[in-house]
Amino acid sequence: MLKLKDCMQRKSDSVALLHPNKRKIGASWGSRVLDAVEAPEVTAAPKKIGFVSLGCPKNLVDSEVMMGLLAQGGAQITARAEDADIIVVNTCSFIDRAKQESVDTILEMAQHKIAGRAQKLIVAGCLVERYRNEIQKNIPEVNAVIGTGELEQILQAAGIESAATPGNSPFVILNSRSEGDAREAAGRFSKDAWDGAIADLPNYLYDENTPRVLATPKYSAYIKIAEGCDHPCSFCIIPQLRGKFRSRRFESVIAEAHRLAQQGVREMTLIGQDTTCYGEDFGLKDGLALLLERLAEIEELRWVRFLYAYPNKITGKLLETIAAHEKICSYIDVPLQHASPDVLKRMKRGAGADIFLRSIEKMRRKIPDLTLRTSFIVGFPGETEQDFELLCQFVREAQFDWLGVFGYSDEEGAKAFELEDKVPAKEVERRRKKLMSMQKQISRRKKRALVGRQFDLLLEGPSAETDLLWEGRTAMHAPEIDGTVYVNDFGDRDVREGEFYRCEIVEAHEYDLVARIV
């Protein structure tokens, strides 16, 4: 059931960074329409549309595509909620906390329709896939809902005529692989537990001809190379929300990458629920490695990275490719979820601490100065104290550079929802805090070891904390999810946002670094 309780109404000056996971769409970074087709001439005043994008980078790309469609149809994207005729909230529904944040944001944006200029409120994304009927029933201010596979419907919902010619959709319908079909037959993608859910699974993926308006800084962009997931993980509902795994065509990705680079993008992050499966659905072996090799040849690009890797899909060819190309960041984000073989078996993941440690040793041996990130779930049904201590010992031995810990979230529709031996919420939180406390100490030691070393730094502009500091990232820092490098000494350099500089680390904290430009 969609919960509306405890949804505090918060005042907002704009459709902006209302929370670290909410992305400002428009104004300060400049909206850029990435499309060969120009927006049509508009005689009447264009509709002003504001966006709030919640959750992961994959969702952000969906927001960028919807904005591209709207801009191509003649709409104007605004970052000021009080100026918007239409407000779109692109939601996340991965765990309870994300669902609650989505509901809070919808209610907050509804105030602009009740007491402001906004005439329409549109809700899109994963929350719609899960609670399609309940959203409009419980929040009457919502005019339309758009699921993850229905992005093209944003035009109809906003009352804007499509600029595409009839029969020429900006989305490509892709076939799934046999693994996904087999899992569908076994019930993996069933939405029977969700009232009002559309049975059909999303099966589209945008391509190089689909319009996009980038919401990221002009020097950085995401490219979605795959969509959906076929893995059977028992804690996860993403396959129901996003459909079967499907890859974009190889040359489509290359074409978009070239266009982005020509428009000033210097850092490119490839995203998908599992990028390491890229190309398997059309018979391409080591598809991700081959794609990275081609992207590394693009002269204008400085950094290329990918998120996220599945543990048993990290091949020797992939590691060799990362090590061989300076432009490919020596950075791997591989969510392991746990280290206890018993817990991993119930999660339908497999492997365990010993196998993971051997894999990590291989990765670090093949890739000098590898930055390794992972995430874990604590409190999974049936997780014993012994299981948790095994996980803690594994973290001590593995010494990850970055680590995230989530308390288990019981999601209706996931196989784990049916499991017994649920861990009490208080105990789940205790375990989460303990593991994060351990990692904080590991991170502090690893960051201190960087003092005195020099790195290439992407300077991102003045700090939100004070104008006396600027912020940046090294290749060790993926956009938005890792720590920050604060710069307090520029020497005699006249620095600019979005440019690369050589820096020396002069101070280290638990997650953040302080550097000077050299």
Protein backbone atom coordinates (compact mmCIF):
# COMPACT_ATOMS: atom_id res chain seq x y z
CA MET A 1 0.00 0.00 0.00
CA LEU A 2 1.19 3.50 -0.79
CA LYS A 3 1.79 5.29 2.52
CA LEU A 4 0.94 8.98 2.78
CA LYS A 5 1.56 9.40 6.49
CA ASP A 6 4.46 11.45 7.83
CA CYS A 7 4.70 13.37 4.54
CA MET A 8 5.83 16.78 5.78
CA GLN A 9 5.06 19.70 3.50
CA ARG A 10 8.25 21.62 2.80
CA LYS A 11 8.52 24.99 1.13
CA SER A 12 10.63 25.17 -2.00
CA ASP A 13 11.72 28.06 -4.16
CA SER A 14 12.27 25.96 -7.26
CA VAL A 15 12.20 22.54 -8.82
CA ALA A 16 15.72 22.14 -7.56
CA LEU A 17 18.05 20.28 -5.23
CA LEU A 18 15.47 19.64 -2.54
CA HIS A 19 17.59 16.72 -1.27
CA PRO A 20 20.95 15.23 -2.36
CA ASN A 21 19.11 12.68 -4.51
CA LYS A 22 16.92 15.32 -6.20
CA ARG A 23 18.44 16.84 -9.25
CA LYS A 24 18.00 20.36 -10.43
CA ILE A 25 16.88 20.40 -14.02
CA GLY A 26 17.65 23.49 -16.03
CA ALA A 27 19.06 26.94 -15.22
CA SER A 28 22.49 26.94 -13.60
CA TRP A 29 24.20 24.38 -15.85
CA GLY A 30 22.22 25.31 -18.94
CA SER A 31 19.81 23.06 -20.80
CA ARG A 32 21.26 21.44 -23.87
CA VAL A 33 19.04 19.66 -26.39
CA LEU A 34 21.01 16.74 -27.79
CA ASP A 35 19.17 16.11 -31.01
CA ALA A 36 19.69 16.73 -34.67
CA VAL A 37 16.10 17.97 -35.06
CA GLU A 38 15.55 21.57 -33.99
CA ALA A 39 12.53 22.52 -31.89
CA PRO A 40 9.71 23.95 -34.01
CA GLU A 41 8.91 27.64 -34.10
CA VAL A 42 6.38 28.50 -31.42
CA THR A 43 4.01 31.42 -31.97
CA ALA A 44 2.12 31.23 -28.68
CA ALA A 45 3.95 31.42 -25.35
CA PRO A 46 5.63 28.03 -24.78
CA LYS A 47 4.58 25.88 -21.86
CA LYS A 48 7.10 26.05 -19.03
CA ILE A 49 7.86 22.65 -17.52
CA GLY A 50 9.84 21.89 -14.36
CA PHE A 51 11.32 18.52 -13.39
CA VAL A 52 12.37 16.83 -10.19
CA SER A 53 14.36 13.64 -10.81
CA LEU A 54 14.78 11.23 -7.90
CA GLY A 55 16.93 8.14 -7.43
CA CYS A 56 19.63 6.69 -9.63
CA PRO A 57 21.46 7.96 -12.74
CA LYS A 58 19.33 5.62 -14.87
CA ASN A 59 16.28 7.55 -13.76
CA LEU A 60 18.05 10.84 -14.49
CA VAL A 61 18.63 9.76 -18.09
CA ASP A 62 14.90 9.00 -18.37
CA SER A 63 14.20 12.55 -17.14
CA GLU A 64 16.63 13.94 -19.70
CA VAL A 65 14.87 12.01 -22.47
CA MET A 66 11.44 13.28 -21.39
CA MET A 67 12.79 16.84 -21.30
CA GLY A 68 14.26 16.34 -24.76
CA LEU A 69 10.90 15.23 -26.13
CA LEU A 70 9.16 18.20 -24.53
CA ALA A 71 11.76 20.70 -25.73
CA GLN A 72 11.58 19.28 -29.23
CA GLY A 73 7.81 19.79 -29.05
CA GLY A 74 8.27 23.47 -28.19
CA ALA A 75 8.18 23.47 -24.38
CA GLN A 76 10.54 25.50 -22.22
CA ILE A 77 12.34 23.74 -19.37
CA THR A 78 12.49 25.83 -16.19
CA ALA A 79 14.29 25.35 -12.87
CA ARG A 80 11.82 27.59 -11.00
CA ALA A 81 8.75 25.76 -9.69
CA GLU A 82 6.82 29.02 -9.27
CA ASP A 83 7.24 29.67 -13.03
CA ALA A 84 6.21 26.19 -14.19
CA ASP A 85 2.91 25.53 -15.92
CA ILE A 86 3.56 21.80 -15.59
CA ILE A 87 5.65 19.96 -12.99
CA VAL A 88 6.98 16.43 -13.53
CA VAL A 89 8.26 14.27 -10.66
CA ASN A 90 10.27 11.26 -11.86
CA THR A 91 10.16 8.87 -8.92
CA CYS A 92 12.16 6.05 -7.36
CA SER A 93 10.60 2.98 -5.73
CA PHE A 94 13.54 0.71 -4.98
CA ILE A 95 13.19 0.58 -1.18
CA ASP A 96 10.85 2.03 1.45
CA ARG A 97 12.98 5.12 2.04
CA ALA A 98 12.98 5.94 -1.68
CA LYS A 99 9.22 5.44 -1.91
CA GLN A 100 8.63 7.78 1.01
CA GLU A 101 10.89 10.43 -0.49
CA SER A 102 8.98 10.16 -3.75
CA VAL A 103 5.63 10.64 -1.99
CA ASP A 104 6.98 13.59 -0.01
CA THR A 105 8.18 15.24 -3.21
CA ILE A 106 4.91 14.68 -5.06
CA LEU A 107 2.98 16.30 -2.21
CA GLU A 108 5.44 19.17 -2.06
CA MET A 109 5.13 19.84 -5.79
CA ALA A 110 1.33 19.55 -5.53
CA GLN A 111 1.37 22.74 -3.49
CA HIS A 112 2.43 24.63 -6.63
CA LYS A 113 -0.74 23.43 -8.30
CA ILE A 114 -2.98 24.15 -5.31
CA ALA A 115 -1.63 27.62 -4.50
CA GLY A 116 0.61 28.54 -7.43
CA ARG A 117 0.82 28.78 -11.18
CA ALA A 118 1.13 25.09 -12.05
CA GLN A 119 -1.78 23.67 -13.99
CA LYS A 120 -0.65 20.06 -14.22
CA LEU A 121 1.29 17.63 -12.03
CA ILE A 122 2.67 14.53 -13.74
CA VAL A 123 4.23 11.60 -11.88
CA ALA A 124 6.61 9.29 -13.74
CA GLY A 125 9.02 6.46 -13.03
CA CYS A 126 9.28 3.43 -10.81
CA LEU A 127 6.67 4.47 -8.24
CA VAL A 128 4.10 4.46 -11.05
CA GLU A 129 4.98 0.89 -12.00
CA ARG A 130 4.36 -0.13 -8.40
CA TYR A 131 1.42 2.10 -7.35
CA ARG A 132 -0.17 3.29 -10.59
CA ASN A 133 -3.79 3.36 -9.36
CA GLU A 134 -3.09 4.43 -5.79
CA ILE A 135 -1.15 7.53 -6.77
CA GLN A 136 -4.08 9.15 -8.55
CA LYS A 137 -6.60 7.84 -6.04
CA ASN A 138 -4.76 9.19 -3.00
CA ILE A 139 -3.23 12.33 -4.54
CA PRO A 140 -5.98 13.91 -6.67
CA GLU A 141 -3.70 16.78 -7.72
CA VAL A 142 -1.86 14.31 -10.00
CA ASN A 143 -3.13 14.67 -13.56
CA ALA A 144 -1.25 11.82 -15.23
CA VAL A 145 1.09 8.93 -14.47
CA ILE A 146 3.80 7.57 -16.76
CA GLY A 147 5.57 4.26 -16.19
CA THR A 148 9.21 3.45 -16.92
CA GLY A 149 8.34 2.08 -20.36
CA GLU A 150 5.98 4.90 -21.35
CA LEU A 151 8.26 7.93 -21.61
CA GLU A 152 6.88 8.95 -24.98
CA GLN A 153 3.52 9.55 -23.29
CA ILE A 154 4.97 12.62 -21.56
CA LEU A 155 3.93 14.64 -24.63
CA GLN A 156 0.27 13.64 -24.43
CA ALA A 157 0.25 14.11 -20.65
CA ALA A 158 1.63 17.64 -21.05
CA GLY A 159 -0.72 18.47 -23.93
CA ILE A 160 2.10 18.92 -26.44
CA GLU A 161 2.04 17.62 -30.00
CA SER A 162 4.82 15.23 -30.92
CA ALA A 163 7.46 16.61 -33.30
CA ALA A 164 8.24 13.10 -34.55
CA THR A 165 6.76 11.93 -37.83
CA PRO A 166 4.01 9.28 -37.55
CA GLY A 167 5.44 5.79 -37.14
CA ASN A 168 8.87 7.15 -36.31
CA SER A 169 9.16 6.67 -32.55
CA PRO A 170 12.22 8.09 -30.76
CA PHE A 171 12.49 4.77 -28.93
CA VAL A 172 13.72 1.41 -30.17
CA ILE A 173 11.85 -1.73 -29.12
CA LEU A 174 14.44 -4.34 -28.24
CA ASN A 175 14.16 -8.09 -27.85
CA SER A 176 15.24 -9.79 -24.64
CA ARG A 177 17.71 -12.65 -24.36
CA SER A 178 16.79 -16.30 -23.75
CA GLU A 179 17.83 -16.07 -20.10
CA GLY A 180 15.20 -13.40 -19.51
CA ASP A 181 12.53 -15.40 -21.34
CA ALA A 182 13.29 -18.45 -19.20
CA ARG A 183 13.08 -16.44 -15.99
CA GLU A 184 9.82 -14.87 -17.13
CA ALA A 185 8.37 -18.36 -17.60
CA ALA A 186 9.43 -19.12 -14.02
CA GLY A 187 7.56 -16.03 -12.73
CA ARG A 188 10.53 -13.68 -12.18
CA PHE A 189 8.80 -10.63 -13.67
CA SER A 190 5.34 -11.21 -12.23
CA LYS A 191 3.42 -8.17 -10.93
CA ASP A 192 0.48 -10.17 -9.61
CA ALA A 193 1.06 -8.87 -6.07
CA TRP A 194 0.72 -5.26 -7.24
CA ASP A 195 -2.83 -3.94 -7.58
CA GLY A 196 -3.36 -1.92 -10.75
CA ALA A 197 0.06 -2.71 -12.26
CA ILE A 198 0.29 -3.08 -16.03
CA ALA A 199 1.23 -6.67 -16.84
CA ASP A 200 3.31 -5.75 -19.90
CA LEU A 201 6.99 -5.24 -19.18
CA PRO A 202 8.87 -2.16 -20.44
CA ASN A 203 10.76 -3.10 -23.62
CA TYR A 204 12.03 0.18 -25.05
CA LEU A 205 15.43 1.82 -24.92
CA TYR A 206 16.39 5.22 -26.26
CA ASP A 207 18.99 5.51 -29.02
CA GLU A 208 21.32 8.12 -30.51
CA ASN A 209 18.44 9.81 -32.34
CA THR A 210 16.27 10.28 -29.24
CA PRO A 211 16.31 13.90 -28.03
CA ARG A 212 17.83 14.58 -24.60
CA VAL A 213 18.30 17.69 -22.50
CA LEU A 214 21.28 17.09 -20.23
CA ALA A 215 20.78 17.96 -16.56
CA THR A 216 24.42 17.29 -15.66
CA PRO A 217 27.26 19.84 -15.85
CA LYS A 218 28.38 20.49 -19.42
CA TYR A 219 31.59 18.50 -18.95
CA SER A 220 29.99 15.27 -17.63
CA ALA A 221 27.24 12.98 -18.91
CA TYR A 222 25.71 9.55 -18.42
CA ILE A 223 25.00 7.15 -21.27
CA LYS A 224 22.54 4.34 -20.63
CA ILE A 225 23.91 1.32 -22.51
CA ALA A 226 21.40 -1.23 -21.23
CA GLU A 227 18.07 -1.39 -19.46
CA GLY A 228 16.29 -3.96 -17.29
CA CYS A 229 17.64 -7.00 -15.46
CA ASP A 230 17.28 -10.79 -15.69
CA HIS A 231 19.06 -11.74 -12.47
CA PRO A 232 16.96 -13.68 -9.92
CA CYS A 233 18.02 -11.74 -6.77
CA SER A 234 15.30 -12.43 -4.22
CA PHE A 235 15.46 -8.99 -2.51
CA CYS A 236 15.00 -6.97 -5.70
CA ILE A 237 11.97 -5.73 -7.66
CA ILE A 238 13.89 -3.89 -10.39
CA PRO A 239 13.13 -6.58 -13.01
CA GLN A 240 9.40 -5.91 -12.49
CA LEU A 241 9.97 -2.15 -12.58
CA ARG A 242 12.33 -2.05 -15.57
CA GLY A 243 11.71 -5.23 -17.56
CA LYS A 244 14.05 -7.81 -19.03
CA PHE A 245 17.68 -7.04 -19.74
CA ARG A 246 18.29 -5.45 -23.14
CA SER A 247 21.36 -3.75 -24.62
CA ARG A 248 21.56 -0.74 -26.89
CA ARG A 249 23.14 -1.39 -30.26
CA PHE A 250 26.91 -0.94 -30.22
CA GLU A 251 27.13 1.77 -32.87
CA SER A 252 24.23 3.65 -31.28
CA VAL A 253 26.26 4.11 -28.10
CA ILE A 254 29.35 5.14 -30.06
CA ALA A 255 27.38 7.69 -32.07
CA GLU A 256 25.90 9.30 -28.97
CA ALA A 257 29.31 9.34 -27.28
CA HIS A 258 30.88 11.15 -30.23
CA ARG A 259 28.13 13.77 -30.25
CA LEU A 260 28.42 14.35 -26.50
CA ALA A 261 32.20 14.71 -26.77
CA GLN A 262 31.86 17.21 -29.60
CA GLN A 263 29.49 19.25 -27.41
CA GLY A 264 32.02 19.52 -24.58
CA VAL A 265 31.56 16.38 -22.44
CA ARG A 266 34.89 15.23 -21.02
CA GLU A 267 33.72 12.63 -18.50
CA MET A 268 31.40 9.85 -19.65
CA THR A 269 29.76 7.33 -17.30
CA LEU A 270 28.17 4.23 -18.79
CA ILE A 271 25.18 3.01 -16.80
CA GLY A 272 22.80 0.06 -16.71
CA GLN A 273 21.46 -2.25 -14.04
CA ASP A 274 24.25 -4.64 -15.06
CA THR A 275 26.68 -3.13 -17.57
CA THR A 276 28.88 -6.24 -17.50
CA CYS A 277 26.16 -8.17 -19.38
CA TYR A 278 26.24 -5.62 -22.19
CA GLY A 279 25.87 -7.20 -25.64
CA GLU A 280 25.03 -10.71 -24.48
CA ASP A 281 21.51 -10.40 -25.90
CA PHE A 282 22.88 -9.98 -29.42
CA GLY A 283 25.71 -12.50 -29.11
CA LEU A 284 28.56 -10.10 -28.36
CA LYS A 285 31.27 -11.60 -26.15
CA ASP A 286 33.04 -9.18 -23.80
CA GLY A 287 30.77 -6.45 -25.10
CA LEU A 288 31.57 -3.97 -22.34
CA ALA A 289 35.32 -4.34 -22.87
CA LEU A 290 34.91 -3.81 -26.62
CA LEU A 291 32.73 -0.77 -26.03
CA LEU A 292 35.22 0.75 -23.59
CA GLU A 293 38.04 0.24 -26.11
CA ARG A 294 36.13 2.18 -28.76
CA LEU A 295 35.19 4.97 -26.37
CA ALA A 296 38.82 5.33 -25.28
CA GLU A 297 39.63 6.26 -28.88
CA ILE A 298 37.45 9.39 -28.76
CA GLU A 299 40.00 12.18 -28.65
CA GLU A 300 37.94 14.74 -26.71
CA LEU A 301 37.11 12.40 -23.81
CA ARG A 302 39.28 12.46 -20.68
CA TRP A 303 37.56 9.93 -18.40
CA VAL A 304 35.31 6.95 -19.14
CA ARG A 305 33.84 4.78 -16.38
CA PHE A 306 30.97 2.32 -15.95
CA LEU A 307 28.41 1.48 -13.27
CA TYR A 308 27.58 -1.30 -12.17
CA ALA A 309 29.32 -4.69 -12.41
CA TYR A 310 27.95 -8.13 -11.52
CA PRO A 311 30.56 -10.21 -9.62
CA ASN A 312 30.77 -13.23 -11.92
CA LYS A 313 30.68 -11.12 -15.10
CA ILE A 314 34.00 -9.34 -14.51
CA THR A 315 36.16 -11.04 -17.12
CA GLY A 316 39.90 -11.05 -17.66
CA LYS A 317 39.37 -9.18 -20.91
CA LEU A 318 37.49 -6.42 -19.07
CA LEU A 319 40.26 -6.04 -16.48
CA GLU A 320 42.94 -5.97 -19.18
CA THR A 321 41.02 -3.31 -21.11
CA ILE A 322 40.72 -1.06 -18.06
CA ALA A 323 44.41 -1.46 -17.28
CA ALA A 324 45.49 -0.78 -20.88
CA HIS A 325 43.75 2.56 -21.42
CA GLU A 326 44.54 5.69 -19.44
CA LYS A 327 41.16 7.23 -20.27
CA ILE A 328 39.25 4.34 -18.69
CA CYS A 329 39.07 5.07 -14.97
CA SER A 330 40.61 2.37 -12.77
CA TYR A 331 37.35 2.16 -10.88
CA ILE A 332 34.95 -0.76 -10.44
CA ASP A 333 31.63 -0.61 -8.61
CA VAL A 334 30.54 -4.18 -7.92
CA PRO A 335 27.62 -4.57 -5.46
CA LEU A 336 28.38 -7.83 -3.62
CA GLN A 337 25.33 -7.61 -1.27
CA HIS A 338 26.80 -9.98 1.36
CA ALA A 339 29.70 -12.34 2.09
CA SER A 340 27.99 -15.23 3.89
CA PRO A 341 27.39 -18.15 1.49
CA ASP A 342 24.16 -19.00 3.33
CA VAL A 343 22.76 -15.50 3.02
CA LEU A 344 23.89 -15.18 -0.61
CA LYS A 345 22.18 -18.48 -1.38
CA ARG A 346 18.88 -17.18 0.03
CA MET A 347 19.43 -13.98 -1.93
CA LYS A 348 19.82 -16.19 -5.05
CA ARG A 349 23.23 -14.65 -5.70
CA GLY A 350 25.74 -17.41 -4.92
CA ALA A 351 29.48 -17.33 -4.09
CA GLY A 352 30.86 -16.14 -0.73
CA ALA A 353 33.74 -14.41 1.03
CA ASP A 354 36.51 -16.74 -0.18
CA ILE A 355 35.50 -16.48 -3.83
CA PHE A 356 35.07 -12.71 -3.56
CA LEU A 357 38.48 -12.25 -1.97
CA ARG A 358 40.15 -14.19 -4.78
CA SER A 359 38.29 -12.09 -7.32
CA ILE A 360 39.31 -8.85 -5.59
CA GLU A 361 42.94 -9.97 -5.45
CA LYS A 362 42.83 -10.62 -9.21
CA MET A 363 41.28 -7.24 -9.93
CA ARG A 364 43.91 -5.39 -7.89
CA ARG A 365 46.72 -7.42 -9.44
CA LYS A 366 45.55 -6.66 -12.98
CA ILE A 367 44.72 -2.98 -12.43
CA PRO A 368 47.29 -0.89 -10.51
CA ASP A 369 45.73 1.67 -8.13
CA LEU A 370 42.25 0.21 -8.61
CA THR A 371 39.44 2.01 -6.77
CA LEU A 372 36.91 -0.56 -5.60
CA ARG A 373 33.39 0.25 -4.48
CA THR A 374 30.68 -2.12 -3.24
CA SER A 375 27.43 -2.20 -1.31
CA PHE A 376 25.88 -4.64 1.17
CA ILE A 377 22.46 -5.48 2.58
CA VAL A 378 22.29 -6.26 6.29
CA GLY A 379 19.33 -7.79 8.08
CA PHE A 380 18.24 -10.03 5.19
CA PRO A 381 15.68 -12.61 6.39
CA GLY A 382 17.47 -15.38 8.25
CA GLU A 383 20.75 -13.45 8.63
CA THR A 384 22.27 -14.72 11.88
CA GLU A 385 24.81 -12.98 14.08
CA GLN A 386 27.36 -15.44 12.70
CA ASP A 387 26.47 -14.42 9.13
CA PHE A 388 26.87 -10.77 10.03
CA GLU A 389 30.24 -11.31 11.74
CA LEU A 390 31.44 -13.18 8.65
CA LEU A 391 30.47 -10.11 6.60
CA CYS A 392 32.35 -7.82 9.01
CA GLN A 393 35.47 -9.98 8.80
CA PHE A 394 35.24 -9.95 5.01
CA VAL A 395 35.07 -6.14 4.96
CA ARG A 396 38.15 -5.98 7.19
CA GLU A 397 40.06 -8.22 4.80
CA ALA A 398 38.82 -6.71 1.54
CA GLN A 399 39.58 -3.07 2.49
CA PHE A 400 37.19 -1.40 0.04
CA ASP A 401 37.79 2.18 -1.00
CA TRP A 402 34.08 3.03 -0.96
CA LEU A 403 31.27 1.08 0.64
CA GLY A 404 27.54 1.56 1.13
CA VAL A 405 25.33 -0.38 3.54
CA PHE A 406 21.56 -0.72 3.27
CA GLY A 407 19.21 -2.18 5.81
CA TYR A 408 17.01 -4.86 4.25
CA SER A 409 13.75 -3.45 2.91
CA ASP A 410 10.82 -5.90 2.71
CA GLU A 411 9.32 -5.32 -0.75
CA GLU A 412 6.06 -6.94 -1.80
CA GLY A 413 6.63 -8.72 -5.10
CA ALA A 414 10.20 -9.74 -4.23
CA LYS A 415 10.75 -13.41 -3.40
CA ALA A 416 12.36 -12.47 -0.07
CA PHE A 417 9.04 -10.94 0.99
CA GLU A 418 7.75 -14.50 1.45
CA LEU A 419 10.71 -15.63 3.59
CA GLU A 420 10.40 -16.19 7.33
CA ASP A 421 12.87 -15.29 10.10
CA LYS A 422 12.71 -11.55 9.49
CA VAL A 423 15.33 -9.62 11.46
CA PRO A 424 13.85 -6.94 13.80
CA ALA A 425 14.24 -3.40 12.46
CA LYS A 426 16.22 -2.27 15.52
CA GLU A 427 18.73 -5.06 15.00
CA VAL A 428 18.99 -4.30 11.28
CA GLU A 429 19.90 -0.70 12.09
CA ARG A 430 22.45 -1.78 14.70
CA ARG A 431 24.20 -3.98 12.16
CA ARG A 432 24.13 -1.24 9.53
CA LYS A 433 25.70 1.28 11.91
CA LYS A 434 28.36 -1.17 13.04
CA LEU A 435 29.43 -2.02 9.51
CA MET A 436 29.52 1.64 8.48
CA SER A 437 31.58 2.47 11.57
CA MET A 438 34.10 -0.19 10.56
CA GLN A 439 34.25 1.15 7.04
CA LYS A 440 34.73 4.70 8.30
CA GLN A 441 37.95 3.60 10.01
CA ILE A 442 39.11 1.76 6.88
CA SER A 443 38.31 4.78 4.74
CA ARG A 444 40.18 7.14 7.09
CA ARG A 445 43.34 5.00 6.86
CA LYS A 446 43.13 4.68 3.08
CA LYS A 447 42.54 8.40 2.59
CA ARG A 448 45.49 9.31 4.84
CA ALA A 449 47.72 7.14 2.66
CA LEU A 450 46.94 9.48 -0.26
CA VAL A 451 48.46 12.56 1.40
CA GLY A 452 51.44 13.79 -0.60
CA ARG A 453 50.39 12.01 -3.80
CA GLN A 454 49.42 13.83 -6.99
CA PHE A 455 46.35 13.18 -9.13
CA ASP A 456 44.46 14.64 -12.06
CA LEU A 457 41.52 16.64 -10.71
CA LEU A 458 38.26 17.62 -12.42
CA LEU A 459 37.41 20.97 -10.85
CA GLU A 460 33.64 21.36 -10.43
CA GLY A 461 33.36 24.89 -9.04
CA PRO A 462 32.97 26.76 -5.73
CA SER A 463 31.93 24.72 -2.70
CA ALA A 464 28.40 25.01 -1.36
CA GLU A 465 30.02 25.34 2.08
CA THR A 466 32.12 28.46 1.38
CA ASP A 467 33.42 30.46 -1.58
CA LEU A 468 36.92 30.07 -0.14
CA LEU A 469 36.96 26.43 -1.24
CA TRP A 470 36.35 24.80 -4.61
CA GLU A 471 35.26 21.20 -5.09
CA GLY A 472 36.50 18.57 -7.48
CA ARG A 473 36.88 14.88 -8.14
CA THR A 474 39.71 12.54 -9.13
CA ALA A 475 39.26 9.36 -11.16
CA MET A 476 38.69 7.68 -7.77
CA HIS A 477 35.44 9.60 -7.35
CA ALA A 478 32.37 8.69 -9.40
CA PRO A 479 29.85 11.53 -9.89
CA GLU A 480 27.49 12.15 -6.97
CA ILE A 481 28.16 8.97 -4.96
CA ASP A 482 31.71 9.22 -3.59
CA GLY A 483 33.55 11.75 -1.44
CA THR A 484 34.76 15.22 -2.42
CA VAL A 485 38.15 16.81 -3.00
CA TYR A 486 38.22 20.35 -1.56
CA VAL A 487 40.76 22.75 -3.06
CA ASN A 488 42.07 25.55 -0.82
CA ASP A 489 45.25 26.57 -2.65
CA PHE A 490 45.26 27.51 -6.34
CA GLY A 491 48.78 28.88 -6.44
CA ASP A 492 48.92 31.48 -9.19
CA ARG A 493 46.49 29.56 -11.44
CA ASP A 494 43.36 31.14 -12.89
CA VAL A 495 41.10 28.09 -12.58
CA ARG A 496 37.86 27.33 -14.38
CA GLU A 497 34.95 25.01 -13.66
CA GLY A 498 34.96 21.84 -15.74
CA GLU A 499 38.70 21.87 -16.46
CA PHE A 500 41.32 19.31 -15.41
CA TYR A 501 44.30 20.25 -13.20
CA ARG A 502 47.10 18.42 -11.48
CA CYS A 503 46.68 18.46 -7.69
CA GLU A 504 48.51 17.28 -4.59
CA ILE A 505 46.59 15.85 -1.64
CA VAL A 506 47.54 17.81 1.50
CA GLU A 507 44.93 16.66 4.01
CA ALA A 508 42.64 13.66 4.49
CA HIS A 509 39.41 13.06 6.37
CA GLU A 510 37.14 10.03 6.68
CA TYR A 511 35.70 10.36 3.19
CA ASP A 512 36.89 13.70 1.82
CA LEU A 513 40.26 15.06 0.78
CA VAL A 514 41.88 18.52 0.70
CA ALA A 515 44.21 19.36 -2.18
CA ARG A 516 46.23 22.15 -3.74
CA ILE A 517 46.67 22.86 -7.43
CA VAL A 518 50.27 22.25 -8.57
